[in-house]
Amino acid sequence: MEQEVGLEYLTTLFEIIGFLLIIILVIYFLIKGIRKGNAQKRDQKINRECKTT
């Protein structure tokens, strides 16, 4: 009986860890994508300035 309770607790713990891991990965890739987008915009701006001068 005690082992079943421990197993349920462990399963719940793994679900929570997995859920948090997915959230962290989504946030990480979102930030990475935003940074990459900003870098591309910055590069385009620099290229435009170089062409005009």
PDB file of N, CA and C in Angstrom:
ATOM      1  N   MET A   1       0.834  -1.206   0.000  1.00  0.00           N
ATOM      2  CA  MET A   1       0.000   0.000   0.000  1.00  0.00           C
ATOM      3  C   MET A   1       0.873   1.263   0.000  1.00  0.00           C
ATOM      4  N   GLU A   2       1.907   1.248   0.803  1.00  0.00           N
ATOM      5  CA  GLU A   2       2.772   2.422   0.877  1.00  0.00           C
ATOM      6  C   GLU A   2       3.522   2.646  -0.432  1.00  0.00           C
ATOM      7  N   GLN A   3       3.910   1.561  -1.104  1.00  0.00           N
ATOM      8  CA  GLN A   3       4.623   1.682  -2.367  1.00  0.00           C
ATOM      9  C   GLN A   3       3.747   2.328  -3.439  1.00  0.00           C
ATOM     10  N   GLU A   4       2.455   2.010  -3.444  1.00  0.00           N
ATOM     11  CA  GLU A   4       1.536   2.598  -4.426  1.00  0.00           C
ATOM     12  C   GLU A   4       1.422   4.102  -4.229  1.00  0.00           C
ATOM     13  N   VAL A   5       1.357   4.536  -2.989  1.00  0.00           N
ATOM     14  CA  VAL A   5       1.263   5.973  -2.697  1.00  0.00           C
ATOM     15  C   VAL A   5       2.545   6.665  -3.147  1.00  0.00           C
ATOM     16  N   GLY A   6       3.686   6.048  -2.868  1.00  0.00           N
ATOM     17  CA  GLY A   6       4.970   6.604  -3.291  1.00  0.00           C
ATOM     18  C   GLY A   6       5.077   6.684  -4.801  1.00  0.00           C
ATOM     19  N   LEU A   7       4.565   5.668  -5.478  1.00  0.00           N
ATOM     20  CA  LEU A   7       4.595   5.629  -6.939  1.00  0.00           C
ATOM     21  C   LEU A   7       3.713   6.738  -7.523  1.00  0.00           C
ATOM     22  N   GLU A   8       2.546   6.941  -6.948  1.00  0.00           N
ATOM     23  CA  GLU A   8       1.652   8.017  -7.401  1.00  0.00           C
ATOM     24  C   GLU A   8       2.319   9.366  -7.206  1.00  0.00           C
ATOM     25  N   TYR A   9       2.967   9.549  -6.065  1.00  0.00           N
ATOM     26  CA  TYR A   9       3.655  10.803  -5.765  1.00  0.00           C
ATOM     27  C   TYR A   9       4.784  11.041  -6.767  1.00  0.00           C
ATOM     28  N   LEU A  10       5.545   9.977  -7.062  1.00  0.00           N
ATOM     29  CA  LEU A  10       6.655  10.058  -7.998  1.00  0.00           C
ATOM     30  C   LEU A  10       6.152  10.390  -9.412  1.00  0.00           C
ATOM     31  N   THR A  11       5.064   9.748  -9.817  1.00  0.00           N
ATOM     32  CA  THR A  11       4.480  10.002 -11.137  1.00  0.00           C
ATOM     33  C   THR A  11       4.028  11.462 -11.245  1.00  0.00           C
ATOM     34  N   THR A  12       3.381  11.953 -10.206  1.00  0.00           N
ATOM     35  CA  THR A  12       2.926  13.350 -10.187  1.00  0.00           C
ATOM     36  C   THR A  12       4.118  14.291 -10.269  1.00  0.00           C
ATOM     37  N   LEU A  13       5.172  13.955  -9.545  1.00  0.00           N
ATOM     38  CA  LEU A  13       6.382  14.776  -9.540  1.00  0.00           C
ATOM     39  C   LEU A  13       6.992  14.833 -10.948  1.00  0.00           C
ATOM     40  N   PHE A  14       7.059  13.673 -11.621  1.00  0.00           N
ATOM     41  CA  PHE A  14       7.596  13.634 -12.984  1.00  0.00           C
ATOM     42  C   PHE A  14       6.728  14.435 -13.951  1.00  0.00           C
ATOM     43  N   GLU A  15       5.414  14.385 -13.781  1.00  0.00           N
ATOM     44  CA  GLU A  15       4.511  15.160 -14.638  1.00  0.00           C
ATOM     45  C   GLU A  15       4.770  16.648 -14.474  1.00  0.00           C
ATOM     46  N   ILE A  16       4.928  17.081 -13.221  1.00  0.00           N
ATOM     47  CA  ILE A  16       5.173  18.501 -12.940  1.00  0.00           C
ATOM     48  C   ILE A  16       6.508  18.928 -13.526  1.00  0.00           C
ATOM     49  N   ILE A  17       7.547  18.108 -13.344  1.00  0.00           N
ATOM     50  CA  ILE A  17       8.876  18.424 -13.883  1.00  0.00           C
ATOM     51  C   ILE A  17       8.822  18.489 -15.412  1.00  0.00           C
ATOM     52  N   GLY A  18       8.147  17.538 -16.029  1.00  0.00           N
ATOM     53  CA  GLY A  18       8.017  17.526 -17.486  1.00  0.00           C
ATOM     54  C   GLY A  18       7.285  18.757 -17.998  1.00  0.00           C
ATOM     55  N   PHE A  19       6.222  19.133 -17.316  1.00  0.00           N
ATOM     56  CA  PHE A  19       5.432  20.301 -17.691  1.00  0.00           C
ATOM     57  C   PHE A  19       6.282  21.567 -17.600  1.00  0.00           C
ATOM     58  N   LEU A  20       7.010  21.704 -16.494  1.00  0.00           N
ATOM     59  CA  LEU A  20       7.871  22.876 -16.307  1.00  0.00           C
ATOM     60  C   LEU A  20       8.981  22.909 -17.357  1.00  0.00           C
ATOM     61  N   LEU A  21       9.523  21.744 -17.688  1.00  0.00           N
ATOM     62  CA  LEU A  21      10.581  21.659 -18.693  1.00  0.00           C
ATOM     63  C   LEU A  21      10.069  22.142 -20.050  1.00  0.00           C
ATOM     64  N   ILE A  22       8.865  21.725 -20.414  1.00  0.00           N
ATOM     65  CA  ILE A  22       8.263  22.160 -21.683  1.00  0.00           C
ATOM     66  C   ILE A  22       8.069  23.672 -21.687  1.00  0.00           C
ATOM     67  N   ILE A  23       7.568  24.221 -20.581  1.00  0.00           N
ATOM     68  CA  ILE A  23       7.350  25.670 -20.482  1.00  0.00           C
ATOM     69  C   ILE A  23       8.668  26.420 -20.625  1.00  0.00           C
ATOM     70  N   ILE A  24       9.709  25.931 -19.933  1.00  0.00           N
ATOM     71  CA  ILE A  24      11.021  26.579 -19.997  1.00  0.00           C
ATOM     72  C   ILE A  24      11.565  26.546 -21.421  1.00  0.00           C
ATOM     73  N   LEU A  25      11.426  25.408 -22.107  1.00  0.00           N
ATOM     74  CA  LEU A  25      11.904  25.300 -23.487  1.00  0.00           C
ATOM     75  C   LEU A  25      11.156  26.253 -24.416  1.00  0.00           C
ATOM     76  N   VAL A  26       9.839  26.349 -24.249  1.00  0.00           N
ATOM     77  CA  VAL A  26       9.037  27.252 -25.084  1.00  0.00           C
ATOM     78  C   VAL A  26       9.486  28.694 -24.881  1.00  0.00           C
ATOM     79  N   ILE A  27       9.665  29.093 -23.618  1.00  0.00           N
ATOM     80  CA  ILE A  27      10.100  30.462 -23.307  1.00  0.00           C
ATOM     81  C   ILE A  27      11.489  30.712 -23.897  1.00  0.00           C
ATOM     82  N   TYR A  28      12.389  29.721 -23.763  1.00  0.00           N
ATOM     83  CA  TYR A  28      13.757  29.843 -24.279  1.00  0.00           C
ATOM     84  C   TYR A  28      13.750  30.085 -25.788  1.00  0.00           C
ATOM     85  N   PHE A  29      12.985  29.252 -26.513  1.00  0.00           N
ATOM     86  CA  PHE A  29      12.960  29.395 -27.977  1.00  0.00           C
ATOM     87  C   PHE A  29      12.241  30.671 -28.406  1.00  0.00           C
ATOM     88  N   LEU A  30      11.256  31.106 -27.615  1.00  0.00           N
ATOM     89  CA  LEU A  30      10.560  32.357 -27.900  1.00  0.00           C
ATOM     90  C   LEU A  30      11.528  33.533 -27.795  1.00  0.00           C
ATOM     91  N   ILE A  31      12.295  33.571 -26.709  1.00  0.00           N
ATOM     92  CA  ILE A  31      13.284  34.636 -26.512  1.00  0.00           C
ATOM     93  C   ILE A  31      14.353  34.572 -27.590  1.00  0.00           C
ATOM     94  N   LYS A  32      14.805  33.366 -27.912  1.00  0.00           N
ATOM     95  CA  LYS A  32      15.827  33.181 -28.950  1.00  0.00           C
ATOM     96  C   LYS A  32      15.312  33.695 -30.293  1.00  0.00           C
ATOM     97  N   GLY A  33      14.062  33.395 -30.603  1.00  0.00           N
ATOM     98  CA  GLY A  33      13.458  33.859 -31.845  1.00  0.00           C
ATOM     99  C   GLY A  33      13.323  35.364 -31.903  1.00  0.00           C
ATOM    100  N   ILE A  34      12.935  35.965 -30.783  1.00  0.00           N
ATOM    101  CA  ILE A  34      12.793  37.426 -30.726  1.00  0.00           C
ATOM    102  C   ILE A  34      14.157  38.083 -30.913  1.00  0.00           C
ATOM    103  N   ARG A  35      15.177  37.526 -30.247  1.00  0.00           N
ATOM    104  CA  ARG A  35      16.524  38.077 -30.385  1.00  0.00           C
ATOM    105  C   ARG A  35      17.020  37.967 -31.819  1.00  0.00           C
ATOM    106  N   LYS A  36      16.756  36.822 -32.449  1.00  0.00           N
ATOM    107  CA  LYS A  36      17.186  36.611 -33.834  1.00  0.00           C
ATOM    108  C   LYS A  36      16.474  37.604 -34.750  1.00  0.00           C
ATOM    109  N   GLY A  37      15.185  37.827 -34.509  1.00  0.00           N
ATOM    110  CA  GLY A  37      14.414  38.795 -35.291  1.00  0.00           C
ATOM    111  C   GLY A  37      14.967  40.197 -35.135  1.00  0.00           C
ATOM    112  N   ASN A  38      15.319  40.553 -33.902  1.00  0.00           N
ATOM    113  CA  ASN A  38      15.889  41.882 -33.659  1.00  0.00           C
ATOM    114  C   ASN A  38      17.241  42.021 -34.351  1.00  0.00           C
ATOM    115  N   ALA A  39      18.031  40.960 -34.340  1.00  0.00           N
ATOM    116  CA  ALA A  39      19.340  40.989 -34.996  1.00  0.00           C
ATOM    117  C   ALA A  39      19.163  41.168 -36.501  1.00  0.00           C
ATOM    118  N   GLN A  40      18.182  40.480 -37.091  1.00  0.00           N
ATOM    119  CA  GLN A  40      17.939  40.615 -38.525  1.00  0.00           C
ATOM    120  C   GLN A  40      17.496  42.038 -38.859  1.00  0.00           C
ATOM    121  N   LYS A  41      16.629  42.607 -38.029  1.00  0.00           N
ATOM    122  CA  LYS A  41      16.185  43.979 -38.258  1.00  0.00           C
ATOM    123  C   LYS A  41      17.368  44.939 -38.179  1.00  0.00           C
ATOM    124  N   ARG A  42      18.236  44.710 -37.186  1.00  0.00           N
ATOM    125  CA  ARG A  42      19.406  45.562 -37.001  1.00  0.00           C
ATOM    126  C   ARG A  42      20.333  45.452 -38.220  1.00  0.00           C
ATOM    127  N   ASP A  43      20.539  44.225 -38.705  1.00  0.00           N
ATOM    128  CA  ASP A  43      21.387  44.015 -39.886  1.00  0.00           C
ATOM    129  C   ASP A  43      20.799  44.708 -41.112  1.00  0.00           C
ATOM    130  N   GLN A  44      19.488  44.612 -41.275  1.00  0.00           N
ATOM    131  CA  GLN A  44      18.841  45.257 -42.419  1.00  0.00           C
ATOM    132  C   GLN A  44      19.005  46.770 -42.339  1.00  0.00           C
ATOM    133  N   LYS A  45      18.889  47.301 -41.140  1.00  0.00           N
ATOM    134  CA  LYS A  45      19.028  48.735 -40.938  1.00  0.00           C
ATOM    135  C   LYS A  45      20.453  49.176 -41.274  1.00  0.00           C
ATOM    136  N   ILE A  46      21.428  48.398 -40.827  1.00  0.00           N
ATOM    137  CA  ILE A  46      22.835  48.705 -41.105  1.00  0.00           C
ATOM    138  C   ILE A  46      23.090  48.635 -42.611  1.00  0.00           C
ATOM    139  N   ASN A  47      22.555  47.601 -43.261  1.00  0.00           N
ATOM    140  CA  ASN A  47      22.742  47.444 -44.712  1.00  0.00           C
ATOM    141  C   ASN A  47      22.125  48.609 -45.475  1.00  0.00           C
ATOM    142  N   ARG A  48      20.970  49.057 -45.039  1.00  0.00           N
ATOM    143  CA  ARG A  48      20.304  50.188 -45.705  1.00  0.00           C
ATOM    144  C   ARG A  48      21.154  51.463 -45.562  1.00  0.00           C
ATOM    145  N   GLU A  49      21.716  51.659 -44.336  1.00  0.00           N
ATOM    146  CA  GLU A  49      22.542  52.838 -44.098  1.00  0.00           C
ATOM    147  C   GLU A  49      23.804  52.795 -44.946  1.00  0.00           C
ATOM    148  N   CYS A  50      24.385  51.611 -45.117  1.00  0.00           N
ATOM    149  CA  CYS A  50      25.600  51.458 -45.932  1.00  0.00           C
ATOM    150  C   CYS A  50      25.298  51.742 -47.406  1.00  0.00           C
ATOM    151  N   LYS A  51      24.148  51.344 -47.878  1.00  0.00           N
ATOM    152  CA  LYS A  51      23.789  51.548 -49.286  1.00  0.00           C
ATOM    153  C   LYS A  51      23.545  53.027 -49.578  1.00  0.00           C
ATOM    154  N   THR A  52      22.966  53.746 -48.609  1.00  0.00           N
ATOM    155  CA  THR A  52      22.648  55.158 -48.851  1.00  0.00           C
ATOM    156  C   THR A  52      23.885  56.022 -48.809  1.00  0.00           C
ATOM    157  N   THR A  53      24.923  55.590 -48.089  1.00  0.00           N
ATOM    158  CA  THR A  53      26.131  56.428 -48.000  1.00  0.00           C
ATOM    159  C   THR A  53      27.130  56.074 -49.073  1.00  0.00           C
TER     160      THR A  53
END
